[in-house]
Amino acid sequence: MTLHDDAVLVLKGYEDQPELRQAYLDHLSAHPDGLWKSCTAGHLTASALVIDPERGRVLLTLHRKLRMWLQMGGHCEPGDATLAAAALREATEESGIADLTLLPGGPVRLDRHAIPSPCNWHLDVQYAVLAVPGAVQTISDESLDLRWFPYDEVADVADESVVRLMEATRARL
């Protein structure tokens, strides 16, 4: 099975956000390269919110280019077998935390956002990953900072998409 096939199956199985889910499926149907950065009509990305439910907090990255507090995530790579694997890889690389585990149940949310030309759109498939107790983060080259935020402080530092992802993740715990 290809990553494209996996993405279609994941999206077909995702029951929330029906209009946006259909837009993602239409994009993949129209663009066989719709998972890759080279697709200028937009492309799917995979991200994951790193959560520590025992301490009631999430780990956010201060994105080097965007200078915004965000969940970990990014572009799919040829070695990614599944969207979930891409999200887990990105979360591990950007957080520096080993032994992250995906929250069961598939994607938590979808979020489509405009990006600068030539690509135009990121169609983000958002997962959540659980950090082991006592996990220690390490800043990657893609981040200016990494910081744990209590749930009730996320809205003070991050945009609505991150807040919605956190709320949807907490509802699933």
C-alpha atoms as a PDB file:
ATOM      1  CA  MET A   1       0.000   0.000   0.000  1.00  0.00           C
ATOM      2  CA  THR A   2       1.304   3.467  -0.864  1.00  0.00           C
ATOM      3  CA  LEU A   3       1.208   6.514   1.374  1.00  0.00           C
ATOM      4  CA  HIS A   4      -1.420   7.953  -0.994  1.00  0.00           C
ATOM      5  CA  ASP A   5      -3.591   4.833  -0.497  1.00  0.00           C
ATOM      6  CA  ASP A   6      -3.153   5.076   3.273  1.00  0.00           C
ATOM      7  CA  ALA A   7      -4.153   8.748   3.264  1.00  0.00           C
ATOM      8  CA  VAL A   8      -7.338   7.975   1.323  1.00  0.00           C
ATOM      9  CA  LEU A   9      -8.240   5.139   3.721  1.00  0.00           C
ATOM     10  CA  VAL A  10      -7.500   7.278   6.790  1.00  0.00           C
ATOM     11  CA  LEU A  11      -9.636  10.120   5.490  1.00  0.00           C
ATOM     12  CA  LYS A  12     -12.492   7.830   4.457  1.00  0.00           C
ATOM     13  CA  GLY A  13     -12.477   6.441   8.012  1.00  0.00           C
ATOM     14  CA  TYR A  14     -12.400   9.869   9.649  1.00  0.00           C
ATOM     15  CA  GLU A  15     -15.949  10.727  10.679  1.00  0.00           C
ATOM     16  CA  ASP A  16     -15.700  14.379  11.762  1.00  0.00           C
ATOM     17  CA  GLN A  17     -15.508  17.561   9.683  1.00  0.00           C
ATOM     18  CA  PRO A  18     -17.300  16.015   6.658  1.00  0.00           C
ATOM     19  CA  GLU A  19     -16.920  18.972   4.277  1.00  0.00           C
ATOM     20  CA  LEU A  20     -13.222  19.415   4.962  1.00  0.00           C
ATOM     21  CA  ARG A  21     -12.668  15.648   4.858  1.00  0.00           C
ATOM     22  CA  GLN A  22     -14.282  15.565   1.414  1.00  0.00           C
ATOM     23  CA  ALA A  23     -12.114  18.481   0.249  1.00  0.00           C
ATOM     24  CA  TYR A  24      -9.019  16.480   1.264  1.00  0.00           C
ATOM     25  CA  LEU A  25     -10.293  13.393  -0.580  1.00  0.00           C
ATOM     26  CA  ASP A  26     -11.118  15.480  -3.676  1.00  0.00           C
ATOM     27  CA  HIS A  27      -7.617  16.963  -3.549  1.00  0.00           C
ATOM     28  CA  LEU A  28      -6.011  13.517  -3.429  1.00  0.00           C
ATOM     29  CA  SER A  29      -8.242  12.308  -6.263  1.00  0.00           C
ATOM     30  CA  ALA A  30      -7.285  15.266  -8.454  1.00  0.00           C
ATOM     31  CA  HIS A  31      -3.592  15.283  -7.489  1.00  0.00           C
ATOM     32  CA  PRO A  32      -1.711  11.970  -7.367  1.00  0.00           C
ATOM     33  CA  ASP A  33       1.206  14.030  -5.972  1.00  0.00           C
ATOM     34  CA  GLY A  34      -1.067  15.689  -3.368  1.00  0.00           C
ATOM     35  CA  LEU A  35       1.012  14.427  -0.447  1.00  0.00           C
ATOM     36  CA  TRP A  36       4.248  16.027  -1.577  1.00  0.00           C
ATOM     37  CA  LYS A  37       5.646  19.507  -1.146  1.00  0.00           C
ATOM     38  CA  SER A  38       6.103  19.706  -4.908  1.00  0.00           C
ATOM     39  CA  CYS A  39       2.313  19.801  -5.450  1.00  0.00           C
ATOM     40  CA  THR A  40       1.723  23.520  -5.968  1.00  0.00           C
ATOM     41  CA  ALA A  41      -2.063  23.157  -5.643  1.00  0.00           C
ATOM     42  CA  GLY A  42      -1.411  22.307  -1.979  1.00  0.00           C
ATOM     43  CA  HIS A  43      -0.410  19.166  -0.167  1.00  0.00           C
ATOM     44  CA  LEU A  44      -1.241  17.070   2.848  1.00  0.00           C
ATOM     45  CA  THR A  45       0.937  17.460   5.902  1.00  0.00           C
ATOM     46  CA  ALA A  46       1.002  15.437   9.120  1.00  0.00           C
ATOM     47  CA  SER A  47       1.250  16.904  12.588  1.00  0.00           C
ATOM     48  CA  ALA A  48       0.910  15.774  16.180  1.00  0.00           C
ATOM     49  CA  LEU A  49       0.182  17.488  19.446  1.00  0.00           C
ATOM     50  CA  VAL A  50       2.528  16.184  22.144  1.00  0.00           C
ATOM     51  CA  ILE A  51       0.493  15.801  25.314  1.00  0.00           C
ATOM     52  CA  ASP A  52       1.304  14.913  28.922  1.00  0.00           C
ATOM     53  CA  PRO A  53      -2.120  14.108  30.409  1.00  0.00           C
ATOM     54  CA  GLU A  54      -0.686  13.270  33.856  1.00  0.00           C
ATOM     55  CA  ARG A  55       0.520  16.855  34.236  1.00  0.00           C
ATOM     56  CA  GLY A  56      -2.231  18.477  32.157  1.00  0.00           C
ATOM     57  CA  ARG A  57       0.062  20.058  29.599  1.00  0.00           C
ATOM     58  CA  VAL A  58       1.083  20.108  25.939  1.00  0.00           C
ATOM     59  CA  LEU A  59       4.457  20.688  24.293  1.00  0.00           C
ATOM     60  CA  LEU A  60       4.524  23.405  21.649  1.00  0.00           C
ATOM     61  CA  THR A  61       7.295  24.519  19.345  1.00  0.00           C
ATOM     62  CA  LEU A  62       8.086  28.122  18.536  1.00  0.00           C
ATOM     63  CA  HIS A  63       8.364  27.599  14.780  1.00  0.00           C
ATOM     64  CA  ARG A  64      11.569  29.075  13.375  1.00  0.00           C
ATOM     65  CA  LYS A  65      10.032  30.467  10.157  1.00  0.00           C
ATOM     66  CA  LEU A  66       6.523  31.350  11.309  1.00  0.00           C
ATOM     67  CA  ARG A  67       7.483  32.524  14.803  1.00  0.00           C
ATOM     68  CA  MET A  68       4.290  31.031  16.190  1.00  0.00           C
ATOM     69  CA  TRP A  69       3.687  28.427  18.904  1.00  0.00           C
ATOM     70  CA  LEU A  70       2.466  25.301  17.094  1.00  0.00           C
ATOM     71  CA  GLN A  71       2.171  21.538  17.423  1.00  0.00           C
ATOM     72  CA  MET A  72       4.953  19.464  15.879  1.00  0.00           C
ATOM     73  CA  GLY A  73       4.489  18.582  12.237  1.00  0.00           C
ATOM     74  CA  GLY A  74       5.479  18.939   8.647  1.00  0.00           C
ATOM     75  CA  HIS A  75       5.767  17.415   5.231  1.00  0.00           C
ATOM     76  CA  CYS A  76       5.447  13.762   4.388  1.00  0.00           C
ATOM     77  CA  GLU A  77       8.639  12.048   3.259  1.00  0.00           C
ATOM     78  CA  PRO A  78       9.144   9.112   0.865  1.00  0.00           C
ATOM     79  CA  GLY A  79      10.048   6.805   3.776  1.00  0.00           C
ATOM     80  CA  ASP A  80       6.740   7.403   5.578  1.00  0.00           C
ATOM     81  CA  ALA A  81       4.538   4.321   5.245  1.00  0.00           C
ATOM     82  CA  THR A  82       1.447   5.990   6.720  1.00  0.00           C
ATOM     83  CA  LEU A  83       0.167   9.429   7.693  1.00  0.00           C
ATOM     84  CA  ALA A  84       0.275   8.329  11.323  1.00  0.00           C
ATOM     85  CA  ALA A  85       3.933   7.329  10.910  1.00  0.00           C
ATOM     86  CA  ALA A  86       4.697  10.725   9.348  1.00  0.00           C
ATOM     87  CA  ALA A  87       3.041  12.529  12.275  1.00  0.00           C
ATOM     88  CA  LEU A  88       4.918  10.392  14.810  1.00  0.00           C
ATOM     89  CA  ARG A  89       8.223  10.941  12.978  1.00  0.00           C
ATOM     90  CA  GLU A  90       7.698  14.708  12.910  1.00  0.00           C
ATOM     91  CA  ALA A  91       6.736  14.804  16.594  1.00  0.00           C
ATOM     92  CA  THR A  92       9.798  12.754  17.553  1.00  0.00           C
ATOM     93  CA  GLU A  93      12.199  14.783  15.390  1.00  0.00           C
ATOM     94  CA  GLU A  94      10.907  18.182  16.501  1.00  0.00           C
ATOM     95  CA  SER A  95      10.458  17.385  20.194  1.00  0.00           C
ATOM     96  CA  GLY A  96      13.554  15.248  20.669  1.00  0.00           C
ATOM     97  CA  ILE A  97      11.435  12.936  22.835  1.00  0.00           C
ATOM     98  CA  ALA A  98      11.815   9.204  22.281  1.00  0.00           C
ATOM     99  CA  ASP A  99       9.039   6.709  23.007  1.00  0.00           C
ATOM    100  CA  LEU A 100       6.109   8.919  21.975  1.00  0.00           C
ATOM    101  CA  THR A 101       2.980   6.886  21.296  1.00  0.00           C
ATOM    102  CA  LEU A 102       0.094   7.795  19.044  1.00  0.00           C
ATOM    103  CA  LEU A 103      -3.234   8.425  20.730  1.00  0.00           C
ATOM    104  CA  PRO A 104      -5.467   5.597  19.433  1.00  0.00           C
ATOM    105  CA  GLY A 105      -8.325   6.302  17.071  1.00  0.00           C
ATOM    106  CA  GLY A 106      -6.623   7.935  14.096  1.00  0.00           C
ATOM    107  CA  PRO A 107      -6.498  11.655  13.350  1.00  0.00           C
ATOM    108  CA  VAL A 108      -7.881  14.061  15.936  1.00  0.00           C
ATOM    109  CA  ARG A 109      -8.655  16.920  13.524  1.00  0.00           C
ATOM    110  CA  LEU A 110      -8.111  18.310  10.044  1.00  0.00           C
ATOM    111  CA  ASP A 111      -6.903  21.859   9.498  1.00  0.00           C
ATOM    112  CA  ARG A 112      -6.502  23.562   6.114  1.00  0.00           C
ATOM    113  CA  HIS A 113      -4.476  26.766   6.123  1.00  0.00           C
ATOM    114  CA  ALA A 114      -3.015  29.044   3.491  1.00  0.00           C
ATOM    115  CA  ILE A 115       0.742  29.145   3.022  1.00  0.00           C
ATOM    116  CA  PRO A 116       2.913  31.370   0.843  1.00  0.00           C
ATOM    117  CA  SER A 117       3.288  30.666  -2.887  1.00  0.00           C
ATOM    118  CA  PRO A 118       4.066  28.558  -4.749  1.00  0.00           C
ATOM    119  CA  CYS A 119       2.254  25.876  -2.705  1.00  0.00           C
ATOM    120  CA  ASN A 120      -0.836  27.808  -1.545  1.00  0.00           C
ATOM    121  CA  TRP A 121      -2.310  25.287   0.937  1.00  0.00           C
ATOM    122  CA  HIS A 122      -1.389  22.879   3.709  1.00  0.00           C
ATOM    123  CA  LEU A 123      -4.060  20.275   4.311  1.00  0.00           C
ATOM    124  CA  ASP A 124      -2.934  19.167   7.741  1.00  0.00           C
ATOM    125  CA  VAL A 125      -3.963  15.802   9.182  1.00  0.00           C
ATOM    126  CA  GLN A 126      -3.575  16.272  12.925  1.00  0.00           C
ATOM    127  CA  TYR A 127      -2.825  13.496  15.388  1.00  0.00           C
ATOM    128  CA  ALA A 128      -1.933  13.477  19.078  1.00  0.00           C
ATOM    129  CA  VAL A 129       0.937  11.659  20.741  1.00  0.00           C
ATOM    130  CA  LEU A 130       1.430  10.827  24.394  1.00  0.00           C
ATOM    131  CA  ALA A 131       4.709  11.623  26.114  1.00  0.00           C
ATOM    132  CA  VAL A 132       6.051   9.273  28.757  1.00  0.00           C
ATOM    133  CA  PRO A 133       6.164  10.674  32.299  1.00  0.00           C
ATOM    134  CA  GLY A 134       9.275  12.764  32.818  1.00  0.00           C
ATOM    135  CA  ALA A 135       9.923  13.198  29.093  1.00  0.00           C
ATOM    136  CA  VAL A 136      12.607  15.771  28.344  1.00  0.00           C
ATOM    137  CA  GLN A 137      12.418  17.750  25.127  1.00  0.00           C
ATOM    138  CA  THR A 138      15.337  18.840  22.931  1.00  0.00           C
ATOM    139  CA  ILE A 139      15.101  21.808  20.571  1.00  0.00           C
ATOM    140  CA  SER A 140      15.607  20.930  16.908  1.00  0.00           C
ATOM    141  CA  ASP A 141      16.887  23.111  14.075  1.00  0.00           C
ATOM    142  CA  GLU A 142      13.268  23.832  13.106  1.00  0.00           C
ATOM    143  CA  SER A 143      12.432  25.450  16.434  1.00  0.00           C
ATOM    144  CA  LEU A 144      13.390  28.613  18.224  1.00  0.00           C
ATOM    145  CA  ASP A 145      12.048  27.157  21.471  1.00  0.00           C
ATOM    146  CA  LEU A 146      10.098  24.224  22.902  1.00  0.00           C
ATOM    147  CA  ARG A 147       7.942  24.676  25.950  1.00  0.00           C
ATOM    148  CA  TRP A 148       5.345  22.789  27.968  1.00  0.00           C
ATOM    149  CA  PHE A 149       2.138  24.763  28.464  1.00  0.00           C
ATOM    150  CA  PRO A 150      -0.655  23.920  30.898  1.00  0.00           C
ATOM    151  CA  TYR A 151      -3.931  23.368  29.046  1.00  0.00           C
ATOM    152  CA  ASP A 152      -5.389  26.650  30.297  1.00  0.00           C
ATOM    153  CA  GLU A 153      -2.452  28.702  28.953  1.00  0.00           C
ATOM    154  CA  VAL A 154      -2.469  27.434  25.348  1.00  0.00           C
ATOM    155  CA  ALA A 155      -5.039  29.996  24.181  1.00  0.00           C
ATOM    156  CA  ASP A 156      -2.763  32.774  25.470  1.00  0.00           C
ATOM    157  CA  VAL A 157       0.138  31.778  23.202  1.00  0.00           C
ATOM    158  CA  ALA A 158      -1.233  29.809  20.249  1.00  0.00           C
ATOM    159  CA  ASP A 159      -3.780  30.404  17.503  1.00  0.00           C
ATOM    160  CA  GLU A 160      -7.267  28.918  17.300  1.00  0.00           C
ATOM    161  CA  SER A 161      -6.171  25.887  15.274  1.00  0.00           C
ATOM    162  CA  VAL A 162      -3.863  24.746  18.082  1.00  0.00           C
ATOM    163  CA  VAL A 163      -6.537  25.418  20.702  1.00  0.00           C
ATOM    164  CA  ARG A 164      -9.087  23.364  18.717  1.00  0.00           C
ATOM    165  CA  LEU A 165      -6.564  20.533  18.353  1.00  0.00           C
ATOM    166  CA  MET A 166      -5.860  20.561  22.090  1.00  0.00           C
ATOM    167  CA  GLU A 167      -9.575  20.566  22.950  1.00  0.00           C
ATOM    168  CA  ALA A 168     -10.313  17.707  20.537  1.00  0.00           C
ATOM    169  CA  THR A 169      -7.371  15.740  21.948  1.00  0.00           C
ATOM    170  CA  ARG A 170      -8.501  16.243  25.525  1.00  0.00           C
ATOM    171  CA  ALA A 171     -12.026  15.123  24.586  1.00  0.00           C
ATOM    172  CA  ARG A 172     -10.533  11.860  23.347  1.00  0.00           C
ATOM    173  CA  LEU A 173      -8.496  11.099  26.479  1.00  0.00           C
END
